[in-house]
C-alpha atoms as a PDB file:
ATOM      1  CA  MET A   1     175.189 113.689  68.053  1.00  0.00           C
ATOM      2  CA  VAL A   2     174.263 112.738  64.477  1.00  0.00           C
ATOM      3  CA  THR A   3     170.702 113.852  65.198  1.00  0.00           C
ATOM      4  CA  GLY A   4     171.906 117.227  66.431  1.00  0.00           C
ATOM      5  CA  VAL A   5     174.039 117.950  63.373  1.00  0.00           C
ATOM      6  CA  PHE A   6     171.353 116.929  60.879  1.00  0.00           C
ATOM      7  CA  ALA A   7     168.810 119.036  62.755  1.00  0.00           C
ATOM      8  CA  ALA A   8     171.112 122.074  62.885  1.00  0.00           C
ATOM      9  CA  ARG A   9     170.079 125.140  60.892  1.00  0.00           C
ATOM     10  CA  HIS A  10     173.537 126.700  60.906  1.00  0.00           C
ATOM     11  CA  GLU A  11     176.360 125.719  58.545  1.00  0.00           C
ATOM     12  CA  TYR A  12     178.921 125.845  61.367  1.00  0.00           C
ATOM     13  CA  VAL A  13     178.260 123.333  64.154  1.00  0.00           C
ATOM     14  CA  ILE A  14     180.258 122.910  67.354  1.00  0.00           C
ATOM     15  CA  ILE A  15     180.195 119.489  68.993  1.00  0.00           C
ATOM     16  CA  ALA A  16     181.352 119.188  72.591  1.00  0.00           C
ATOM     17  CA  ASP A  17     181.335 116.813  75.530  1.00  0.00           C
ATOM     18  CA  ASP A  18     179.383 118.091  78.516  1.00  0.00           C
ATOM     19  CA  ASP A  19     182.582 118.840  80.454  1.00  0.00           C
ATOM     20  CA  VAL A  20     183.900 121.290  77.833  1.00  0.00           C
ATOM     21  CA  ARG A  21     183.619 124.984  78.709  1.00  0.00           C
ATOM     22  CA  TYR A  22     183.645 127.396  75.766  1.00  0.00           C
ATOM     23  CA  ARG A  23     183.953 131.154  76.131  1.00  0.00           C
ATOM     24  CA  ALA A  24     182.566 133.538  73.547  1.00  0.00           C
ATOM     25  CA  ASP A  25     186.035 134.206  72.099  1.00  0.00           C
ATOM     26  CA  HIS A  26     186.655 130.470  71.748  1.00  0.00           C
ATOM     27  CA  LEU A  27     183.415 130.067  69.795  1.00  0.00           C
ATOM     28  CA  ALA A  28     184.388 132.987  67.570  1.00  0.00           C
ATOM     29  CA  GLN A  29     187.779 131.410  66.875  1.00  0.00           C
ATOM     30  CA  VAL A  30     186.281 128.068  65.876  1.00  0.00           C
ATOM     31  CA  VAL A  31     183.806 129.801  63.581  1.00  0.00           C
ATOM     32  CA  PHE A  32     186.606 131.891  62.074  1.00  0.00           C
ATOM     33  CA  ARG A  33     188.709 128.804  61.360  1.00  0.00           C
ATOM     34  CA  LEU A  34     185.774 126.898  59.918  1.00  0.00           C
ATOM     35  CA  ALA A  35     185.731 129.513  57.154  1.00  0.00           C
ATOM     36  CA  GLY A  36     188.799 127.753  55.760  1.00  0.00           C
ATOM     37  CA  ALA A  37     188.165 124.152  56.816  1.00  0.00           C
ATOM     38  CA  ASP A  38     185.434 121.531  57.000  1.00  0.00           C
ATOM     39  CA  LEU A  39     186.461 120.368  60.467  1.00  0.00           C
ATOM     40  CA  VAL A  40     188.347 122.250  63.182  1.00  0.00           C
ATOM     41  CA  ARG A  41     190.220 120.333  65.853  1.00  0.00           C
ATOM     42  CA  PRO A  42     191.119 122.514  68.869  1.00  0.00           C
ATOM     43  CA  GLN A  43     193.091 121.570  71.981  1.00  0.00           C
ATOM     44  CA  ASN A  44     191.392 120.826  75.276  1.00  0.00           C
ATOM     45  CA  VAL A  45     193.112 121.760  78.545  1.00  0.00           C
ATOM     46  CA  PHE A  46     191.959 120.679  81.990  1.00  0.00           C
ATOM     47  CA  HIS A  47     190.864 123.396  84.394  1.00  0.00           C
ATOM     48  CA  PRO A  48     191.268 123.133  87.319  1.00  0.00           C
ATOM     49  CA  LEU A  49     194.268 120.796  87.572  1.00  0.00           C
ATOM     50  CA  PRO A  50     193.999 118.208  90.378  1.00  0.00           C
ATOM     51  CA  TRP A  51     196.661 115.490  90.390  1.00  0.00           C
ATOM     52  CA  HIS A  52     194.789 113.107  88.099  1.00  0.00           C
ATOM     53  CA  ALA A  53     194.182 115.875  85.529  1.00  0.00           C
ATOM     54  CA  ARG A  54     197.933 116.587  85.498  1.00  0.00           C
ATOM     55  CA  TRP A  55     198.521 112.867  85.003  1.00  0.00           C
ATOM     56  CA  ASP A  56     196.192 112.780  81.980  1.00  0.00           C
ATOM     57  CA  THR A  57     197.599 116.046  80.619  1.00  0.00           C
ATOM     58  CA  ALA A  58     200.800 114.124  79.903  1.00  0.00           C
ATOM     59  CA  ARG A  59     198.863 112.110  77.321  1.00  0.00           C
ATOM     60  CA  SER A  60     197.861 115.323  75.543  1.00  0.00           C
ATOM     61  CA  LEU A  61     201.447 116.573  75.497  1.00  0.00           C
ATOM     62  CA  LEU A  62     202.758 113.322  74.023  1.00  0.00           C
ATOM     63  CA  ASN A  63     200.036 113.446  71.358  1.00  0.00           C
ATOM     64  CA  ARG A  64     201.020 117.034  70.552  1.00  0.00           C
ATOM     65  CA  ALA A  65     204.656 116.031  70.192  1.00  0.00           C
ATOM     66  CA  PHE A  66     203.783 113.653  67.359  1.00  0.00           C
ATOM     67  CA  GLY A  67     200.923 115.624  65.812  1.00  0.00           C
ATOM     68  CA  SER A  68     197.707 116.729  67.504  1.00  0.00           C
ATOM     69  CA  ASP A  69     195.694 115.693  70.519  1.00  0.00           C
ATOM     70  CA  TYR A  70     192.174 114.228  70.335  1.00  0.00           C
ATOM     71  CA  PRO A  71     189.889 116.777  71.985  1.00  0.00           C
ATOM     72  CA  GLY A  72     186.402 116.360  73.388  1.00  0.00           C
ATOM     73  CA  THR A  73     185.139 119.039  71.030  1.00  0.00           C
ATOM     74  CA  LEU A  74     185.205 119.640  67.277  1.00  0.00           C
ATOM     75  CA  GLY A  75     183.867 122.246  64.910  1.00  0.00           C
ATOM     76  CA  VAL A  76     182.351 120.908  61.690  1.00  0.00           C
ATOM     77  CA  ARG A  77     180.592 122.259  58.639  1.00  0.00           C
ATOM     78  CA  LYS A  78     177.132 120.779  58.351  1.00  0.00           C
ATOM     79  CA  SER A  79     177.506 120.545  54.570  1.00  0.00           C
ATOM     80  CA  ALA A  80     180.659 118.432  54.955  1.00  0.00           C
ATOM     81  CA  PHE A  81     178.968 116.224  57.536  1.00  0.00           C
ATOM     82  CA  THR A  82     175.984 115.759  55.212  1.00  0.00           C
ATOM     83  CA  ARG A  83     178.221 115.086  52.225  1.00  0.00           C
ATOM     84  CA  ALA A  84     179.935 112.327  54.210  1.00  0.00           C
ATOM     85  CA  GLY A  85     176.542 110.779  55.013  1.00  0.00           C
ATOM     86  CA  GLY A  86     176.970 111.292  58.741  1.00  0.00           C
ATOM     87  CA  TYR A  87     179.272 108.992  60.648  1.00  0.00           C
ATOM     88  CA  ASP A  88     179.169 105.745  62.598  1.00  0.00           C
ATOM     89  CA  GLY A  89     178.556 106.646  66.235  1.00  0.00           C
ATOM     90  CA  ASP A  90     178.549 103.006  67.376  1.00  0.00           C
ATOM     91  CA  VAL A  91     182.278 103.084  68.093  1.00  0.00           C
ATOM     92  CA  LEU A  92     184.340 103.924  71.161  1.00  0.00           C
ATOM     93  CA  PHE A  93     186.723 106.528  69.706  1.00  0.00           C
ATOM     94  CA  GLU A  94     184.020 108.828  68.331  1.00  0.00           C
ATOM     95  CA  ASN A  95     186.109 111.959  67.832  1.00  0.00           C
ATOM     96  CA  LEU A  96     188.661 110.072  65.715  1.00  0.00           C
ATOM     97  CA  GLN A  97     185.796 108.427  63.833  1.00  0.00           C
ATOM     98  CA  LEU A  98     184.323 111.807  62.932  1.00  0.00           C
ATOM     99  CA  ILE A  99     187.712 113.202  61.891  1.00  0.00           C
ATOM    100  CA  ARG A 100     188.317 110.197  59.644  1.00  0.00           C
ATOM    101  CA  THR A 101     184.825 110.370  58.199  1.00  0.00           C
ATOM    102  CA  ILE A 102     185.117 114.005  57.166  1.00  0.00           C
ATOM    103  CA  THR A 103     188.621 113.664  55.715  1.00  0.00           C
ATOM    104  CA  ALA A 104     187.799 110.397  53.921  1.00  0.00           C
ATOM    105  CA  ALA A 105     184.926 112.222  52.202  1.00  0.00           C
ATOM    106  CA  GLY A 106     187.340 114.873  50.933  1.00  0.00           C
ATOM    107  CA  GLY A 107     186.896 117.354  53.775  1.00  0.00           C
ATOM    108  CA  ARG A 108     189.648 119.683  54.954  1.00  0.00           C
ATOM    109  CA  GLN A 109     190.831 119.329  58.542  1.00  0.00           C
ATOM    110  CA  GLY A 110     192.040 122.403  60.408  1.00  0.00           C
ATOM    111  CA  ARG A 111     194.342 121.545  63.316  1.00  0.00           C
ATOM    112  CA  ALA A 112     193.869 124.337  65.842  1.00  0.00           C
ATOM    113  CA  ASP A 113     196.598 123.209  68.246  1.00  0.00           C
ATOM    114  CA  ASP A 114     196.992 126.783  69.498  1.00  0.00           C
ATOM    115  CA  LEU A 115     193.301 127.174  70.405  1.00  0.00           C
ATOM    116  CA  PHE A 116     192.948 126.024  74.016  1.00  0.00           C
ATOM    117  CA  ILE A 117     189.431 125.155  75.187  1.00  0.00           C
ATOM    118  CA  PRO A 118     189.007 124.401  78.913  1.00  0.00           C
ATOM    119  CA  ARG A 119     187.338 121.238  80.112  1.00  0.00           C
ATOM    120  CA  ARG A 120     186.473 120.091  83.608  1.00  0.00           C
ATOM    121  CA  PRO A 121     188.488 117.126  84.886  1.00  0.00           C
ATOM    122  CA  PRO A 122     186.624 113.927  85.765  1.00  0.00           C
ATOM    123  CA  THR A 123     186.286 112.673  89.301  1.00  0.00           C
ATOM    124  CA  VAL A 124     189.053 110.403  90.542  1.00  0.00           C
ATOM    125  CA  THR A 125     186.683 107.437  90.264  1.00  0.00           C
ATOM    126  CA  ARG A 126     185.821 108.311  86.680  1.00  0.00           C
ATOM    127  CA  PHE A 127     189.499 108.839  85.895  1.00  0.00           C
ATOM    128  CA  ALA A 128     190.273 105.331  87.139  1.00  0.00           C
ATOM    129  CA  GLU A 129     187.437 103.887  85.062  1.00  0.00           C
ATOM    130  CA  GLN A 130     188.808 105.523  81.902  1.00  0.00           C
ATOM    131  CA  ARG A 131     192.279 103.981  82.020  1.00  0.00           C
ATOM    132  CA  VAL A 132     191.598 100.741  80.133  1.00  0.00           C
ATOM    133  CA  ARG A 133     188.942 102.331  77.934  1.00  0.00           C
ATOM    134  CA  GLN A 134     191.378 104.980  76.699  1.00  0.00           C
ATOM    135  CA  ALA A 135     193.982 102.294  76.044  1.00  0.00           C
ATOM    136  CA  TYR A 136     191.353 100.394  74.043  1.00  0.00           C
ATOM    137  CA  ASP A 137     191.221 103.359  71.650  1.00  0.00           C
ATOM    138  CA  ASP A 138     194.599 102.151  70.355  1.00  0.00           C
ATOM    139  CA  PHE A 139     192.803  99.477  68.356  1.00  0.00           C
ATOM    140  CA  ALA A 140     191.830 102.299  66.006  1.00  0.00           C
ATOM    141  CA  GLN A 141     195.546 102.923  65.395  1.00  0.00           C
ATOM    142  CA  PRO A 142     197.296  99.546  65.070  1.00  0.00           C
ATOM    143  CA  ALA A 143     200.825 100.959  64.738  1.00  0.00           C
ATOM    144  CA  ARG A 144     200.374 102.870  67.978  1.00  0.00           C
ATOM    145  CA  LEU A 145     198.915  99.776  69.631  1.00  0.00           C
ATOM    146  CA  LEU A 146     201.972  97.700  68.740  1.00  0.00           C
ATOM    147  CA  PHE A 147     204.340 100.449  69.833  1.00  0.00           C
ATOM    148  CA  GLU A 148     202.690 100.895  73.214  1.00  0.00           C
ATOM    149  CA  ALA A 149     202.383  97.130  73.718  1.00  0.00           C
ATOM    150  CA  SER A 150     206.176  96.920  73.400  1.00  0.00           C
ATOM    151  CA  TRP A 151     206.770  99.219  76.378  1.00  0.00           C
ATOM    152  CA  LEU A 152     206.087  96.703  79.136  1.00  0.00           C
ATOM    153  CA  PRO A 153     208.387  93.950  77.749  1.00  0.00           C
ATOM    154  CA  VAL A 154     211.138  96.519  77.162  1.00  0.00           C
ATOM    155  CA  LEU A 155     210.830  97.976  80.658  1.00  0.00           C
ATOM    156  CA  LEU A 156     210.726  94.573  82.356  1.00  0.00           C
ATOM    157  CA  THR A 157     213.666  93.268  80.343  1.00  0.00           C
ATOM    158  CA  THR A 158     215.695  96.399  81.030  1.00  0.00           C
ATOM    159  CA  ALA A 159     214.848  96.315  84.742  1.00  0.00           C
ATOM    160  CA  ALA A 160     215.992  92.683  84.951  1.00  0.00           C
ATOM    161  CA  ARG A 161     219.202  93.048  82.968  1.00  0.00           C
ATOM    162  CA  ARG A 162     220.271  96.677  83.316  1.00  0.00           C
ATOM    163  CA  PRO A 163     218.256  98.349  86.086  1.00  0.00           C
ATOM    164  CA  ALA A 164     220.461 101.438  86.050  1.00  0.00           C
ATOM    165  CA  VAL A 165     219.172 102.233  82.561  1.00  0.00           C
ATOM    166  CA  VAL A 166     215.498 102.392  83.621  1.00  0.00           C
ATOM    167  CA  PRO A 167     215.639 106.039  84.846  1.00  0.00           C
ATOM    168  CA  ALA A 168     217.140 107.067  81.511  1.00  0.00           C
ATOM    169  CA  LEU A 169     214.330 105.285  79.672  1.00  0.00           C
ATOM    170  CA  LEU A 170     211.722 107.065  81.777  1.00  0.00           C
ATOM    171  CA  ALA A 171     213.389 110.412  81.086  1.00  0.00           C
ATOM    172  CA  VAL A 172     212.623 110.027  77.374  1.00  0.00           C
ATOM    173  CA  PRO A 173     208.842 110.623  77.714  1.00  0.00           C
ATOM    174  CA  VAL A 174     209.568 113.749  79.785  1.00  0.00           C
ATOM    175  CA  LEU A 175     211.628 115.188  76.925  1.00  0.00           C
ATOM    176  CA  VAL A 176     209.014 114.201  74.336  1.00  0.00           C
ATOM    177  CA  ALA A 177     206.186 115.675  76.404  1.00  0.00           C
ATOM    178  CA  GLU A 178     208.119 118.914  76.779  1.00  0.00           C
ATOM    179  CA  ILE A 179     208.375 119.112  73.000  1.00  0.00           C
ATOM    180  CA  GLY A 180     204.600 118.784  72.871  1.00  0.00           C
ATOM    181  CA  ARG A 181     204.216 121.490  75.519  1.00  0.00           C
ATOM    182  CA  ARG A 182     206.354 123.909  73.530  1.00  0.00           C
ATOM    183  CA  ARG A 183     204.559 123.378  70.220  1.00  0.00           C
ATOM    184  CA  HIS A 184     201.910 125.827  69.042  1.00  0.00           C
ATOM    185  CA  ARG A 185     202.047 128.171  72.049  1.00  0.00           C
ATOM    186  CA  GLY A 186     201.532 125.288  74.448  1.00  0.00           C
ATOM    187  CA  ARG A 187     203.583 126.996  77.161  1.00  0.00           C
ATOM    188  CA  THR A 188     200.783 129.544  77.526  1.00  0.00           C
ATOM    189  CA  ALA A 189     198.294 126.802  78.455  1.00  0.00           C
ATOM    190  CA  PHE A 190     200.261 123.965  80.103  1.00  0.00           C
ATOM    191  CA  PRO A 191     202.226 124.488  83.356  1.00  0.00           C
ATOM    192  CA  ALA A 192     205.981 123.918  83.234  1.00  0.00           C
ATOM    193  CA  SER A 193     205.594 120.852  85.476  1.00  0.00           C
ATOM    194  CA  SER A 194     203.245 119.101  83.042  1.00  0.00           C
ATOM    195  CA  ALA A 195     205.926 117.118  81.207  1.00  0.00           C
ATOM    196  CA  GLY A 196     207.148 115.655  84.489  1.00  0.00           C
ATOM    197  CA  TRP A 197     204.010 113.521  84.717  1.00  0.00           C
ATOM    198  CA  ALA A 198     204.759 111.731  81.434  1.00  0.00           C
ATOM    199  CA  PRO A 199     206.630 108.740  82.962  1.00  0.00           C
ATOM    200  CA  LEU A 200     203.606 107.942  85.146  1.00  0.00           C
ATOM    201  CA  TRP A 201     201.308 107.994  82.133  1.00  0.00           C
ATOM    202  CA  VAL A 202     203.736 105.822  80.134  1.00  0.00           C
ATOM    203  CA  LEU A 203     203.913 103.268  82.946  1.00  0.00           C
ATOM    204  CA  GLU A 204     200.129 103.280  83.161  1.00  0.00           C
ATOM    205  CA  ARG A 205     199.694 102.763  79.414  1.00  0.00           C
ATOM    206  CA  ALA A 206     202.361 100.039  79.347  1.00  0.00           C
ATOM    207  CA  VAL A 207     200.062  98.009  81.615  1.00  0.00           C
ATOM    208  CA  THR A 208     196.598  99.101  80.506  1.00  0.00           C
ATOM    209  CA  VAL A 209     197.259  98.449  76.831  1.00  0.00           C
ATOM    210  CA  TRP A 210     197.696  94.778  77.710  1.00  0.00           C
ATOM    211  CA  ALA A 211     194.520  94.931  79.769  1.00  0.00           C
ATOM    212  CA  ALA A 212     192.801  96.371  76.702  1.00  0.00           C
ATOM    213  CA  ILE A 213     194.091  93.481  74.586  1.00  0.00           C
ATOM    214  CA  ALA A 214     192.646  91.038  77.123  1.00  0.00           C
ATOM    215  CA  VAL A 215     189.321  92.900  77.054  1.00  0.00           C
ATOM    216  CA  ARG A 216     189.320  92.728  73.255  1.00  0.00           C
ATOM    217  CA  CYS A 217     189.697  88.956  73.428  1.00  0.00           C
ATOM    218  CA  ARG A 218     186.554  88.855  75.572  1.00  0.00           C
ATOM    219  CA  GLY A 219     184.523  90.718  72.961  1.00  0.00           C
ATOM    220  CA  GLY A 220     185.165  94.386  73.628  1.00  0.00           C
ATOM    221  CA  VAL A 221     185.235  97.040  76.317  1.00  0.00           C
ATOM    222  CA  ARG A 222     182.222  97.839  78.480  1.00  0.00           C
ATOM    223  CA  TYR A 223     181.036 101.427  78.093  1.00  0.00           C
ATOM    224  CA  ARG A 224     177.756 102.972  79.225  1.00  0.00           C
ATOM    225  CA  GLY A 225     176.187  99.626  79.968  1.00  0.00           C
ATOM    226  CA  GLU A 226     177.129  97.856  76.748  1.00  0.00           C
ATOM    227  CA  ARG A 227     180.123  96.095  75.254  1.00  0.00           C
ATOM    228  CA  ILE A 228     181.795  97.886  72.331  1.00  0.00           C
ATOM    229  CA  ARG A 229     184.262  95.990  70.160  1.00  0.00           C
ATOM    230  CA  THR A 230     185.159  98.603  67.530  1.00  0.00           C
ATOM    231  CA  ALA A 231     187.328 101.548  68.578  1.00  0.00           C
ATOM    232  CA  ALA A 232     187.016 103.242  65.171  1.00  0.00           C
ATOM    233  CA  THR A 233     186.918 102.101  61.575  1.00  0.00           C
ATOM    234  CA  ARG A 234     189.882 102.593  59.288  1.00  0.00           C
ATOM    235  CA  PRO A 235     189.882 105.538  56.859  1.00  0.00           C
ATOM    236  CA  ARG A 236     189.318 103.440  53.759  1.00  0.00           C
ATOM    237  CA  THR A 237     186.096 102.024  55.222  1.00  0.00           C
ATOM    238  CA  GLU A 238     184.522 105.366  56.081  1.00  0.00           C
ATOM    239  CA  PRO A 239     181.116 106.233  54.593  1.00  0.00           C
ATOM    240  CA  THR A 240     181.066 108.591  51.641  1.00  0.00           C
ATOM    241  CA  ALA A 241     178.389 110.736  50.060  1.00  0.00           C
ATOM    242  CA  ALA A 242     177.876 108.055  47.430  1.00  0.00           C
ATOM    243  CA  ALA A 243     177.224 105.310  49.972  1.00  0.00           C
ATOM    244  CA  PRO A 244     176.107 106.576  53.384  1.00  0.00           C
ATOM    245  CA  PRO A 245     174.939 104.080  55.987  1.00  0.00           C
ATOM    246  CA  ARG A 246     171.284 103.158  55.499  1.00  0.00           C
ATOM    247  CA  ALA A 247     170.255 104.126  59.031  1.00  0.00           C
ATOM    248  CA  VAL A 248     171.884 107.541  58.663  1.00  0.00           C
ATOM    249  CA  THR A 249     170.217 108.082  55.283  1.00  0.00           C
ATOM    250  CA  GLU A 250     166.780 107.230  56.668  1.00  0.00           C
ATOM    251  CA  HIS A 251     167.332 109.538  59.615  1.00  0.00           C
ATOM    252  CA  ARG A 252     168.507 112.354  57.345  1.00  0.00           C
ATOM    253  CA  ASN A 253     165.451 112.053  55.122  1.00  0.00           C
ATOM    254  CA  GLN A 254     163.187 112.300  58.153  1.00  0.00           C
ATOM    255  CA  GLN A 255     165.027 115.336  59.490  1.00  0.00           C
ATOM    256  CA  TRP A 256     165.103 117.326  56.239  1.00  0.00           C
ATOM    257  CA  ALA A 257     161.301 117.366  56.155  1.00  0.00           C
ATOM    258  CA  HIS A 258     161.289 119.414  59.369  1.00  0.00           C
ATOM    259  CA  THR A 259     164.345 121.623  58.913  1.00  0.00           C
ATOM    260  CA  ASP A 260     163.826 125.348  59.376  1.00  0.00           C
ATOM    261  CA  PRO A 261     165.921 127.207  56.768  1.00  0.00           C
ATOM    262  CA  ARG A 262     166.662 130.113  59.116  1.00  0.00           C
ATOM    263  CA  PRO A 263     170.235 130.050  60.523  1.00  0.00           C
ATOM    264  CA  VAL A 264     170.659 129.356  64.243  1.00  0.00           C
ATOM    265  CA  THR A 265     173.568 128.096  66.341  1.00  0.00           C
ATOM    266  CA  ALA A 266     173.565 124.376  67.090  1.00  0.00           C
ATOM    267  CA  ALA A 267     175.711 122.204  69.277  1.00  0.00           C
ATOM    268  CA  GLY A 268     175.737 118.562  70.245  1.00  0.00           C
ATOM    269  CA  SER A 269     177.774 116.242  72.432  1.00  0.00           C
ATOM    270  CA  GLN A 270     179.846 113.264  71.517  1.00  0.00           C
END
């Protein structure tokens, strides 16, 4: 992805996973919003919606309730990306890494929570493979990691001592997810039943976050044939224009020698 952005001849670059499906009006909206921001963060929505996509949609709704979701696509100004010295792609949570890199370098983030970009759901097998890996992303957000790690002890203790309270506890994520569904025109994109899947996702994460902790103790999570330990670096350790990573600087110098100054549209994948 770094190669694609440095090679781009347009100021506005759209980065997307290969399962994201932009329409022309979506592209126009991202470009429009990049006029006032260095990075635009839209909202992905699964289409179509098999059962496992509905399950994972609950995660997006809970993220929206507390802020914004982490999409598989971002719009970024090439000048802001260059000013930041690129970003470290050798991490698991790449979209968060890029967001942190741009903002740590002084870039402006535009949260486009009302811009819904479709993405194809994974296969059921791929969905199952992603459970622990997605939980491992919590290591990039320690407060969230601790919060989610507390769910399993709380649920088990409550089930042992006051089992009648468990349904009430599981109703809480439904209410929170519904808040996320109602924010920023979410009801136009997420079915009314979406929040009802939140308890299943919470139960899943209550278990998989502990699996992720165990994987961390063994050196990191396996992804694409290698073991990755770092989910994402913290904001204060992000590269800046004054001190970009050496490998990125060398790559940038090689690319600039071959850059065509004429503007064209560029896109990459993360």
